[in-house]
Amino acid sequence: TTLECPYNPTLHYTVIMSRNYDTEYAIRNHQSFGRALREFRSRQGITQEELAQRTNLHRSYLSALEGGSTTEAMRRIVVVARALDLEIVLRPRQRAS
């Protein structure tokens, strides 16, 4: 999927999952971050309301994040990572054996 950057219409992003397709997401922008959050939350069987209670964040804020809305902090993190040619990956933490 190709998406246009809302801050710079001349930039386009390709949203893909990383190599380990079932457990990792490569985060290239706020939309892919939102998709990853929704996917991991859903896989754990947690509602937005439950996650809101666990994190002390408002459910509507979590909904907006999952829907691809961005925050200034997220925008800056993505810009810095791209400038350094870095990839942000979300994956479940490895449990100690």
PDB file of N, CA and C in Angstrom:
ATOM      1  N   THR A   1       0.848  -1.174   0.000  1.00  0.00           N
ATOM      2  CA  THR A   1       0.000   0.000   0.000  1.00  0.00           C
ATOM      3  C   THR A   1       0.891   1.234   0.000  1.00  0.00           C
ATOM      4  N   THR A   2       0.606   2.187  -0.871  1.00  0.00           N
ATOM      5  CA  THR A   2       1.359   3.429  -0.909  1.00  0.00           C
ATOM      6  C   THR A   2       0.494   4.538  -0.333  1.00  0.00           C
ATOM      7  N   LEU A   3       1.050   5.313   0.586  1.00  0.00           N
ATOM      8  CA  LEU A   3       0.327   6.393   1.239  1.00  0.00           C
ATOM      9  C   LEU A   3       1.062   7.702   1.037  1.00  0.00           C
ATOM     10  N   GLU A   4       0.315   8.788   0.952  1.00  0.00           N
ATOM     11  CA  GLU A   4       0.901  10.120   0.843  1.00  0.00           C
ATOM     12  C   GLU A   4       1.162  10.669   2.236  1.00  0.00           C
ATOM     13  N   CYS A   5       2.307  11.292   2.412  1.00  0.00           N
ATOM     14  CA  CYS A   5       2.638  11.921   3.687  1.00  0.00           C
ATOM     15  C   CYS A   5       1.753  13.148   3.870  1.00  0.00           C
ATOM     16  N   PRO A   6       1.028  13.270   4.990  1.00  0.00           N
ATOM     17  CA  PRO A   6       0.148  14.416   5.182  1.00  0.00           C
ATOM     18  C   PRO A   6       0.903  15.730   5.366  1.00  0.00           C
ATOM     19  N   TYR A   7       2.185  15.661   5.714  1.00  0.00           N
ATOM     20  CA  TYR A   7       2.966  16.875   5.954  1.00  0.00           C
ATOM     21  C   TYR A   7       3.739  17.323   4.729  1.00  0.00           C
ATOM     22  N   ASN A   8       3.957  16.404   3.807  1.00  0.00           N
ATOM     23  CA  ASN A   8       4.690  16.718   2.594  1.00  0.00           C
ATOM     24  C   ASN A   8       4.113  15.868   1.467  1.00  0.00           C
ATOM     25  N   PRO A   9       3.177  16.412   0.691  1.00  0.00           N
ATOM     26  CA  PRO A   9       2.495  15.632  -0.348  1.00  0.00           C
ATOM     27  C   PRO A   9       3.428  15.066  -1.418  1.00  0.00           C
ATOM     28  N   THR A  10       4.664  15.535  -1.468  1.00  0.00           N
ATOM     29  CA  THR A  10       5.595  14.986  -2.463  1.00  0.00           C
ATOM     30  C   THR A  10       6.221  13.683  -1.984  1.00  0.00           C
ATOM     31  N   LEU A  11       6.078  13.378  -0.688  1.00  0.00           N
ATOM     32  CA  LEU A  11       6.611  12.131  -0.149  1.00  0.00           C
ATOM     33  C   LEU A  11       5.517  11.076  -0.123  1.00  0.00           C
ATOM     34  N   HIS A  12       5.877   9.872  -0.491  1.00  0.00           N
ATOM     35  CA  HIS A  12       4.963   8.740  -0.414  1.00  0.00           C
ATOM     36  C   HIS A  12       5.661   7.622   0.331  1.00  0.00           C
ATOM     37  N   TYR A  13       4.893   6.878   1.106  1.00  0.00           N
ATOM     38  CA  TYR A  13       5.437   5.788   1.899  1.00  0.00           C
ATOM     39  C   TYR A  13       4.847   4.474   1.431  1.00  0.00           C
ATOM     40  N   THR A  14       5.640   3.441   1.491  1.00  0.00           N
ATOM     41  CA  THR A  14       5.138   2.101   1.250  1.00  0.00           C
ATOM     42  C   THR A  14       4.979   1.443   2.608  1.00  0.00           C
ATOM     43  N   VAL A  15       3.777   0.960   2.882  1.00  0.00           N
ATOM     44  CA  VAL A  15       3.498   0.323   4.167  1.00  0.00           C
ATOM     45  C   VAL A  15       3.581  -1.186   3.959  1.00  0.00           C
ATOM     46  N   ILE A  16       4.540  -1.808   4.632  1.00  0.00           N
ATOM     47  CA  ILE A  16       4.697  -3.255   4.531  1.00  0.00           C
ATOM     48  C   ILE A  16       4.980  -3.812   5.917  1.00  0.00           C
ATOM     49  N   MET A  17       4.759  -5.079   6.055  1.00  0.00           N
ATOM     50  CA  MET A  17       5.157  -5.756   7.279  1.00  0.00           C
ATOM     51  C   MET A  17       6.601  -6.192   7.099  1.00  0.00           C
ATOM     52  N   SER A  18       7.316  -6.387   8.179  1.00  0.00           N
ATOM     53  CA  SER A  18       8.694  -6.823   8.094  1.00  0.00           C
ATOM     54  C   SER A  18       8.758  -8.299   7.725  1.00  0.00           C
ATOM     55  N   ARG A  19       9.965  -8.843   7.665  1.00  0.00           N
ATOM     56  CA  ARG A  19      10.173 -10.208   7.192  1.00  0.00           C
ATOM     57  C   ARG A  19       9.378 -11.257   7.967  1.00  0.00           C
ATOM     58  N   ASN A  20       9.244 -11.103   9.243  1.00  0.00           N
ATOM     59  CA  ASN A  20       8.523 -12.073  10.056  1.00  0.00           C
ATOM     60  C   ASN A  20       7.056 -11.666  10.075  1.00  0.00           C
ATOM     61  N   TYR A  21       6.352 -11.971   9.000  1.00  0.00           N
ATOM     62  CA  TYR A  21       5.039 -11.400   8.727  1.00  0.00           C
ATOM     63  C   TYR A  21       3.986 -11.611   9.800  1.00  0.00           C
ATOM     64  N   ASP A  22       4.079 -12.672  10.559  1.00  0.00           N
ATOM     65  CA  ASP A  22       3.013 -12.915  11.521  1.00  0.00           C
ATOM     66  C   ASP A  22       3.257 -12.298  12.886  1.00  0.00           C
ATOM     67  N   THR A  23       4.473 -11.792  13.154  1.00  0.00           N
ATOM     68  CA  THR A  23       4.728 -11.258  14.487  1.00  0.00           C
ATOM     69  C   THR A  23       5.401  -9.899  14.514  1.00  0.00           C
ATOM     70  N   GLU A  24       5.778  -9.340  13.374  1.00  0.00           N
ATOM     71  CA  GLU A  24       6.465  -8.051  13.360  1.00  0.00           C
ATOM     72  C   GLU A  24       5.847  -7.109  12.337  1.00  0.00           C
ATOM     73  N   TYR A  25       5.885  -5.822  12.680  1.00  0.00           N
ATOM     74  CA  TYR A  25       5.464  -4.786  11.735  1.00  0.00           C
ATOM     75  C   TYR A  25       6.578  -3.760  11.617  1.00  0.00           C
ATOM     76  N   ALA A  26       6.959  -3.442  10.393  1.00  0.00           N
ATOM     77  CA  ALA A  26       7.885  -2.339  10.153  1.00  0.00           C
ATOM     78  C   ALA A  26       7.058  -1.062  10.176  1.00  0.00           C
ATOM     79  N   ILE A  27       7.478  -0.104  10.988  1.00  0.00           N
ATOM     80  CA  ILE A  27       6.746   1.150  11.143  1.00  0.00           C
ATOM     81  C   ILE A  27       7.437   2.205  10.303  1.00  0.00           C
ATOM     82  N   ARG A  28       6.739   2.648   9.273  1.00  0.00           N
ATOM     83  CA  ARG A  28       7.317   3.642   8.383  1.00  0.00           C
ATOM     84  C   ARG A  28       6.607   4.990   8.497  1.00  0.00           C
ATOM     85  N   ASN A  29       5.468   5.007   9.160  1.00  0.00           N
ATOM     86  CA  ASN A  29       4.696   6.241   9.344  1.00  0.00           C
ATOM     87  C   ASN A  29       3.623   5.977  10.390  1.00  0.00           C
ATOM     88  N   HIS A  30       2.827   7.016  10.677  1.00  0.00           N
ATOM     89  CA  HIS A  30       1.815   6.871  11.738  1.00  0.00           C
ATOM     90  C   HIS A  30       0.700   5.908  11.352  1.00  0.00           C
ATOM     91  N   GLN A  31       0.404   5.766  10.056  1.00  0.00           N
ATOM     92  CA  GLN A  31      -0.632   4.822   9.652  1.00  0.00           C
ATOM     93  C   GLN A  31      -0.212   3.381   9.936  1.00  0.00           C
ATOM     94  N   SER A  32       1.051   3.055   9.629  1.00  0.00           N
ATOM     95  CA  SER A  32       1.499   1.688   9.886  1.00  0.00           C
ATOM     96  C   SER A  32       1.610   1.429  11.385  1.00  0.00           C
ATOM     97  N   PHE A  33       1.932   2.458  12.164  1.00  0.00           N
ATOM     98  CA  PHE A  33       1.942   2.321  13.619  1.00  0.00           C
ATOM     99  C   PHE A  33       0.534   1.987  14.120  1.00  0.00           C
ATOM    100  N   GLY A  34      -0.451   2.700  13.614  1.00  0.00           N
ATOM    101  CA  GLY A  34      -1.833   2.451  14.015  1.00  0.00           C
ATOM    102  C   GLY A  34      -2.305   1.056  13.658  1.00  0.00           C
ATOM    103  N   ARG A  35      -1.968   0.599  12.445  1.00  0.00           N
ATOM    104  CA  ARG A  35      -2.349  -0.751  12.032  1.00  0.00           C
ATOM    105  C   ARG A  35      -1.705  -1.802  12.936  1.00  0.00           C
ATOM    106  N   ALA A  36      -0.444  -1.585  13.277  1.00  0.00           N
ATOM    107  CA  ALA A  36       0.255  -2.535  14.142  1.00  0.00           C
ATOM    108  C   ALA A  36      -0.383  -2.579  15.532  1.00  0.00           C
ATOM    109  N   LEU A  37      -0.683  -1.407  16.094  1.00  0.00           N
ATOM    110  CA  LEU A  37      -1.344  -1.378  17.404  1.00  0.00           C
ATOM    111  C   LEU A  37      -2.643  -2.158  17.384  1.00  0.00           C
ATOM    112  N   ARG A  38      -3.461  -1.887  16.374  1.00  0.00           N
ATOM    113  CA  ARG A  38      -4.760  -2.578  16.271  1.00  0.00           C
ATOM    114  C   ARG A  38      -4.560  -4.084  16.152  1.00  0.00           C
ATOM    115  N   GLU A  39      -3.624  -4.500  15.310  1.00  0.00           N
ATOM    116  CA  GLU A  39      -3.387  -5.927  15.097  1.00  0.00           C
ATOM    117  C   GLU A  39      -2.932  -6.609  16.392  1.00  0.00           C
ATOM    118  N   PHE A  40      -1.962  -6.032  17.076  1.00  0.00           N
ATOM    119  CA  PHE A  40      -1.464  -6.658  18.306  1.00  0.00           C
ATOM    120  C   PHE A  40      -2.521  -6.645  19.406  1.00  0.00           C
ATOM    121  N   ARG A  41      -3.279  -5.561  19.507  1.00  0.00           N
ATOM    122  CA  ARG A  41      -4.350  -5.504  20.515  1.00  0.00           C
ATOM    123  C   ARG A  41      -5.391  -6.575  20.216  1.00  0.00           C
ATOM    124  N   SER A  42      -5.776  -6.677  18.956  1.00  0.00           N
ATOM    125  CA  SER A  42      -6.787  -7.670  18.568  1.00  0.00           C
ATOM    126  C   SER A  42      -6.304  -9.095  18.803  1.00  0.00           C
ATOM    127  N   ARG A  43      -5.055  -9.363  18.483  1.00  0.00           N
ATOM    128  CA  ARG A  43      -4.494 -10.703  18.694  1.00  0.00           C
ATOM    129  C   ARG A  43      -4.534 -11.105  20.159  1.00  0.00           C
ATOM    130  N   GLN A  44      -4.425 -10.127  21.040  1.00  0.00           N
ATOM    131  CA  GLN A  44      -4.460 -10.422  22.473  1.00  0.00           C
ATOM    132  C   GLN A  44      -5.877 -10.443  23.022  1.00  0.00           C
ATOM    133  N   GLY A  45      -6.842 -10.159  22.163  1.00  0.00           N
ATOM    134  CA  GLY A  45      -8.237 -10.182  22.594  1.00  0.00           C
ATOM    135  C   GLY A  45      -8.597  -9.059  23.548  1.00  0.00           C
ATOM    136  N   ILE A  46      -7.919  -7.934  23.404  1.00  0.00           N
ATOM    137  CA  ILE A  46      -8.139  -6.788  24.284  1.00  0.00           C
ATOM    138  C   ILE A  46      -8.958  -5.734  23.539  1.00  0.00           C
ATOM    139  N   THR A  47      -9.974  -5.210  24.178  1.00  0.00           N
ATOM    140  CA  THR A  47     -10.750  -4.125  23.572  1.00  0.00           C
ATOM    141  C   THR A  47     -10.004  -2.806  23.761  1.00  0.00           C
ATOM    142  N   GLN A  48     -10.416  -1.812  23.006  1.00  0.00           N
ATOM    143  CA  GLN A  48      -9.834  -0.479  23.192  1.00  0.00           C
ATOM    144  C   GLN A  48     -10.113   0.017  24.605  1.00  0.00           C
ATOM    145  N   GLU A  49     -11.272  -0.263  25.113  1.00  0.00           N
ATOM    146  CA  GLU A  49     -11.626   0.172  26.465  1.00  0.00           C
ATOM    147  C   GLU A  49     -10.703  -0.467  27.495  1.00  0.00           C
ATOM    148  N   GLU A  50     -10.440  -1.769  27.353  1.00  0.00           N
ATOM    149  CA  GLU A  50      -9.525  -2.450  28.275  1.00  0.00           C
ATOM    150  C   GLU A  50      -8.118  -1.866  28.184  1.00  0.00           C
ATOM    151  N   LEU A  51      -7.652  -1.599  26.963  1.00  0.00           N
ATOM    152  CA  LEU A  51      -6.322  -1.024  26.789  1.00  0.00           C
ATOM    153  C   LEU A  51      -6.268   0.387  27.374  1.00  0.00           C
ATOM    154  N   ALA A  52      -7.339   1.129  27.217  1.00  0.00           N
ATOM    155  CA  ALA A  52      -7.406   2.477  27.789  1.00  0.00           C
ATOM    156  C   ALA A  52      -7.264   2.417  29.308  1.00  0.00           C
ATOM    157  N   GLN A  53      -7.941   1.468  29.936  1.00  0.00           N
ATOM    158  CA  GLN A  53      -7.838   1.321  31.391  1.00  0.00           C
ATOM    159  C   GLN A  53      -6.429   0.911  31.809  1.00  0.00           C
ATOM    160  N   ARG A  54      -5.798   0.019  31.047  1.00  0.00           N
ATOM    161  CA  ARG A  54      -4.440  -0.446  31.377  1.00  0.00           C
ATOM    162  C   ARG A  54      -3.404   0.667  31.236  1.00  0.00           C
ATOM    163  N   THR A  55      -3.625   1.559  30.277  1.00  0.00           N
ATOM    164  CA  THR A  55      -2.627   2.584  29.963  1.00  0.00           C
ATOM    165  C   THR A  55      -2.960   3.950  30.527  1.00  0.00           C
ATOM    166  N   ASN A  56      -4.148   4.095  31.091  1.00  0.00           N
ATOM    167  CA  ASN A  56      -4.613   5.384  31.587  1.00  0.00           C
ATOM    168  C   ASN A  56      -4.678   6.434  30.475  1.00  0.00           C
ATOM    169  N   LEU A  57      -5.017   5.963  29.269  1.00  0.00           N
ATOM    170  CA  LEU A  57      -5.251   6.841  28.123  1.00  0.00           C
ATOM    171  C   LEU A  57      -6.725   6.765  27.773  1.00  0.00           C
ATOM    172  N   HIS A  58      -7.238   7.789  27.129  1.00  0.00           N
ATOM    173  CA  HIS A  58      -8.638   7.793  26.743  1.00  0.00           C
ATOM    174  C   HIS A  58      -8.857   6.856  25.558  1.00  0.00           C
ATOM    175  N   ARG A  59      -9.968   6.135  25.562  1.00  0.00           N
ATOM    176  CA  ARG A  59     -10.274   5.203  24.481  1.00  0.00           C
ATOM    177  C   ARG A  59     -10.306   5.886  23.126  1.00  0.00           C
ATOM    178  N   SER A  60     -10.823   7.101  23.062  1.00  0.00           N
ATOM    179  CA  SER A  60     -10.896   7.803  21.782  1.00  0.00           C
ATOM    180  C   SER A  60      -9.502   8.149  21.245  1.00  0.00           C
ATOM    181  N   TYR A  61      -8.546   8.392  22.152  1.00  0.00           N
ATOM    182  CA  TYR A  61      -7.165   8.637  21.733  1.00  0.00           C
ATOM    183  C   TYR A  61      -6.575   7.376  21.106  1.00  0.00           C
ATOM    184  N   LEU A  62      -6.783   6.227  21.753  1.00  0.00           N
ATOM    185  CA  LEU A  62      -6.305   4.965  21.208  1.00  0.00           C
ATOM    186  C   LEU A  62      -6.957   4.667  19.867  1.00  0.00           C
ATOM    187  N   SER A  63      -8.240   4.949  19.764  1.00  0.00           N
ATOM    188  CA  SER A  63      -8.948   4.759  18.503  1.00  0.00           C
ATOM    189  C   SER A  63      -8.350   5.619  17.397  1.00  0.00           C
ATOM    190  N   ALA A  64      -8.039   6.856  17.725  1.00  0.00           N
ATOM    191  CA  ALA A  64      -7.431   7.752  16.742  1.00  0.00           C
ATOM    192  C   ALA A  64      -6.056   7.243  16.309  1.00  0.00           C
ATOM    193  N   LEU A  65      -5.247   6.775  17.263  1.00  0.00           N
ATOM    194  CA  LEU A  65      -3.944   6.214  16.914  1.00  0.00           C
ATOM    195  C   LEU A  65      -4.096   5.017  15.986  1.00  0.00           C
ATOM    196  N   GLU A  66      -4.988   4.109  16.336  1.00  0.00           N
ATOM    197  CA  GLU A  66      -5.208   2.927  15.506  1.00  0.00           C
ATOM    198  C   GLU A  66      -5.733   3.299  14.124  1.00  0.00           C
ATOM    199  N   GLY A  67      -6.451   4.403  14.052  1.00  0.00           N
ATOM    200  CA  GLY A  67      -7.002   4.852  12.777  1.00  0.00           C
ATOM    201  C   GLY A  67      -6.004   5.606  11.915  1.00  0.00           C
ATOM    202  N   GLY A  68      -4.793   5.779  12.409  1.00  0.00           N
ATOM    203  CA  GLY A  68      -3.765   6.425  11.600  1.00  0.00           C
ATOM    204  C   GLY A  68      -3.514   7.878  11.929  1.00  0.00           C
ATOM    205  N   SER A  69      -4.187   8.401  12.943  1.00  0.00           N
ATOM    206  CA  SER A  69      -3.906   9.779  13.348  1.00  0.00           C
ATOM    207  C   SER A  69      -2.498   9.838  13.917  1.00  0.00           C
ATOM    208  N   THR A  70      -1.925  10.998  13.855  1.00  0.00           N
ATOM    209  CA  THR A  70      -0.562  11.123  14.350  1.00  0.00           C
ATOM    210  C   THR A  70      -0.499  12.130  15.486  1.00  0.00           C
ATOM    211  N   THR A  71       0.589  12.064  16.196  1.00  0.00           N
ATOM    212  CA  THR A  71       0.892  13.052  17.214  1.00  0.00           C
ATOM    213  C   THR A  71       2.185  13.722  16.776  1.00  0.00           C
ATOM    214  N   GLU A  72       2.476  14.850  17.340  1.00  0.00           N
ATOM    215  CA  GLU A  72       3.715  15.535  16.994  1.00  0.00           C
ATOM    216  C   GLU A  72       4.915  14.662  17.350  1.00  0.00           C
ATOM    217  N   ALA A  73       4.847  13.979  18.464  1.00  0.00           N
ATOM    218  CA  ALA A  73       5.953  13.105  18.871  1.00  0.00           C
ATOM    219  C   ALA A  73       6.160  11.983  17.853  1.00  0.00           C
ATOM    220  N   MET A  74       5.077  11.348  17.420  1.00  0.00           N
ATOM    221  CA  MET A  74       5.193  10.259  16.441  1.00  0.00           C
ATOM    222  C   MET A  74       5.754  10.782  15.125  1.00  0.00           C
ATOM    223  N   ARG A  75       5.286  11.921  14.700  1.00  0.00           N
ATOM    224  CA  ARG A  75       5.772  12.499  13.447  1.00  0.00           C
ATOM    225  C   ARG A  75       7.275  12.739  13.526  1.00  0.00           C
ATOM    226  N   ARG A  76       7.724  13.286  14.640  1.00  0.00           N
ATOM    227  CA  ARG A  76       9.155  13.569  14.805  1.00  0.00           C
ATOM    228  C   ARG A  76       9.991  12.301  14.865  1.00  0.00           C
ATOM    229  N   ILE A  77       9.498  11.282  15.540  1.00  0.00           N
ATOM    230  CA  ILE A  77      10.217  10.013  15.618  1.00  0.00           C
ATOM    231  C   ILE A  77      10.402   9.425  14.218  1.00  0.00           C
ATOM    232  N   VAL A  78       9.349   9.429  13.427  1.00  0.00           N
ATOM    233  CA  VAL A  78       9.426   8.885  12.067  1.00  0.00           C
ATOM    234  C   VAL A  78      10.383   9.705  11.211  1.00  0.00           C
ATOM    235  N   VAL A  79      10.325  11.027  11.321  1.00  0.00           N
ATOM    236  CA  VAL A  79      11.215  11.893  10.529  1.00  0.00           C
ATOM    237  C   VAL A  79      12.680  11.624  10.877  1.00  0.00           C
ATOM    238  N   VAL A  80      12.991  11.520  12.160  1.00  0.00           N
ATOM    239  CA  VAL A  80      14.370  11.279  12.579  1.00  0.00           C
ATOM    240  C   VAL A  80      14.828   9.890  12.121  1.00  0.00           C
ATOM    241  N   ALA A  81      13.985   8.890  12.290  1.00  0.00           N
ATOM    242  CA  ALA A  81      14.350   7.539  11.860  1.00  0.00           C
ATOM    243  C   ALA A  81      14.625   7.500  10.361  1.00  0.00           C
ATOM    244  N   ARG A  82      13.766   8.143   9.573  1.00  0.00           N
ATOM    245  CA  ARG A  82      13.973   8.175   8.116  1.00  0.00           C
ATOM    246  C   ARG A  82      15.260   8.906   7.759  1.00  0.00           C
ATOM    247  N   ALA A  83      15.551   9.999   8.436  1.00  0.00           N
ATOM    248  CA  ALA A  83      16.759  10.775   8.147  1.00  0.00           C
ATOM    249  C   ALA A  83      18.019   9.956   8.422  1.00  0.00           C
ATOM    250  N   LEU A  84      17.937   9.040   9.380  1.00  0.00           N
ATOM    251  CA  LEU A  84      19.071   8.186   9.717  1.00  0.00           C
ATOM    252  C   LEU A  84      19.005   6.830   9.016  1.00  0.00           C
ATOM    253  N   ASP A  85      18.040   6.681   8.104  1.00  0.00           N
ATOM    254  CA  ASP A  85      17.837   5.436   7.359  1.00  0.00           C
ATOM    255  C   ASP A  85      17.643   4.254   8.309  1.00  0.00           C
ATOM    256  N   LEU A  86      16.810   4.478   9.331  1.00  0.00           N
ATOM    257  CA  LEU A  86      16.492   3.446  10.314  1.00  0.00           C
ATOM    258  C   LEU A  86      15.091   2.920  10.092  1.00  0.00           C
ATOM    259  N   GLU A  87      14.857   1.727  10.574  1.00  0.00           N
ATOM    260  CA  GLU A  87      13.542   1.114  10.507  1.00  0.00           C
ATOM    261  C   GLU A  87      13.073   0.839  11.926  1.00  0.00           C
ATOM    262  N   ILE A  88      11.866   1.225  12.231  1.00  0.00           N
ATOM    263  CA  ILE A  88      11.266   0.956  13.536  1.00  0.00           C
ATOM    264  C   ILE A  88      10.420  -0.307  13.376  1.00  0.00           C
ATOM    265  N   VAL A  89      10.616  -1.263  14.263  1.00  0.00           N
ATOM    266  CA  VAL A  89       9.877  -2.521  14.175  1.00  0.00           C
ATOM    267  C   VAL A  89       9.158  -2.764  15.491  1.00  0.00           C
ATOM    268  N   LEU A  90       7.874  -3.091  15.391  1.00  0.00           N
ATOM    269  CA  LEU A  90       7.101  -3.500  16.566  1.00  0.00           C
ATOM    270  C   LEU A  90       6.942  -5.002  16.519  1.00  0.00           C
ATOM    271  N   ARG A  91       7.260  -5.645  17.627  1.00  0.00           N
ATOM    272  CA  ARG A  91       7.079  -7.090  17.742  1.00  0.00           C
ATOM    273  C   ARG A  91       6.855  -7.415  19.204  1.00  0.00           C
ATOM    274  N   PRO A  92       6.225  -8.538  19.476  1.00  0.00           N
ATOM    275  CA  PRO A  92       6.033  -8.903  20.868  1.00  0.00           C
ATOM    276  C   PRO A  92       7.376  -9.096  21.564  1.00  0.00           C
ATOM    277  N   ARG A  93       7.416  -8.736  22.843  1.00  0.00           N
ATOM    278  CA  ARG A  93       8.630  -8.966  23.624  1.00  0.00           C
ATOM    279  C   ARG A  93       8.876 -10.448  23.772  1.00  0.00           C
ATOM    280  N   GLN A  94      10.133 -10.811  23.783  1.00  0.00           N
ATOM    281  CA  GLN A  94      10.489 -12.209  23.987  1.00  0.00           C
ATOM    282  C   GLN A  94      10.410 -12.501  25.473  1.00  0.00           C
ATOM    283  N   ARG A  95       9.745 -13.557  25.795  1.00  0.00           N
ATOM    284  CA  ARG A  95       9.600 -13.973  27.198  1.00  0.00           C
ATOM    285  C   ARG A  95      10.842 -14.750  27.628  1.00  0.00           C
ATOM    286  N   ALA A  96      11.271 -14.531  28.847  1.00  0.00           N
ATOM    287  CA  ALA A  96      12.409 -15.279  29.388  1.00  0.00           C
ATOM    288  C   ALA A  96      12.001 -16.732  29.577  1.00  0.00           C
ATOM    289  N   SER A  97      12.875 -17.646  29.187  1.00  0.00           N
ATOM    290  CA  SER A  97      12.565 -19.075  29.318  1.00  0.00           C
ATOM    291  C   SER A  97      12.938 -19.609  30.667  1.00  0.00           C
TER     292      SER A  97
END
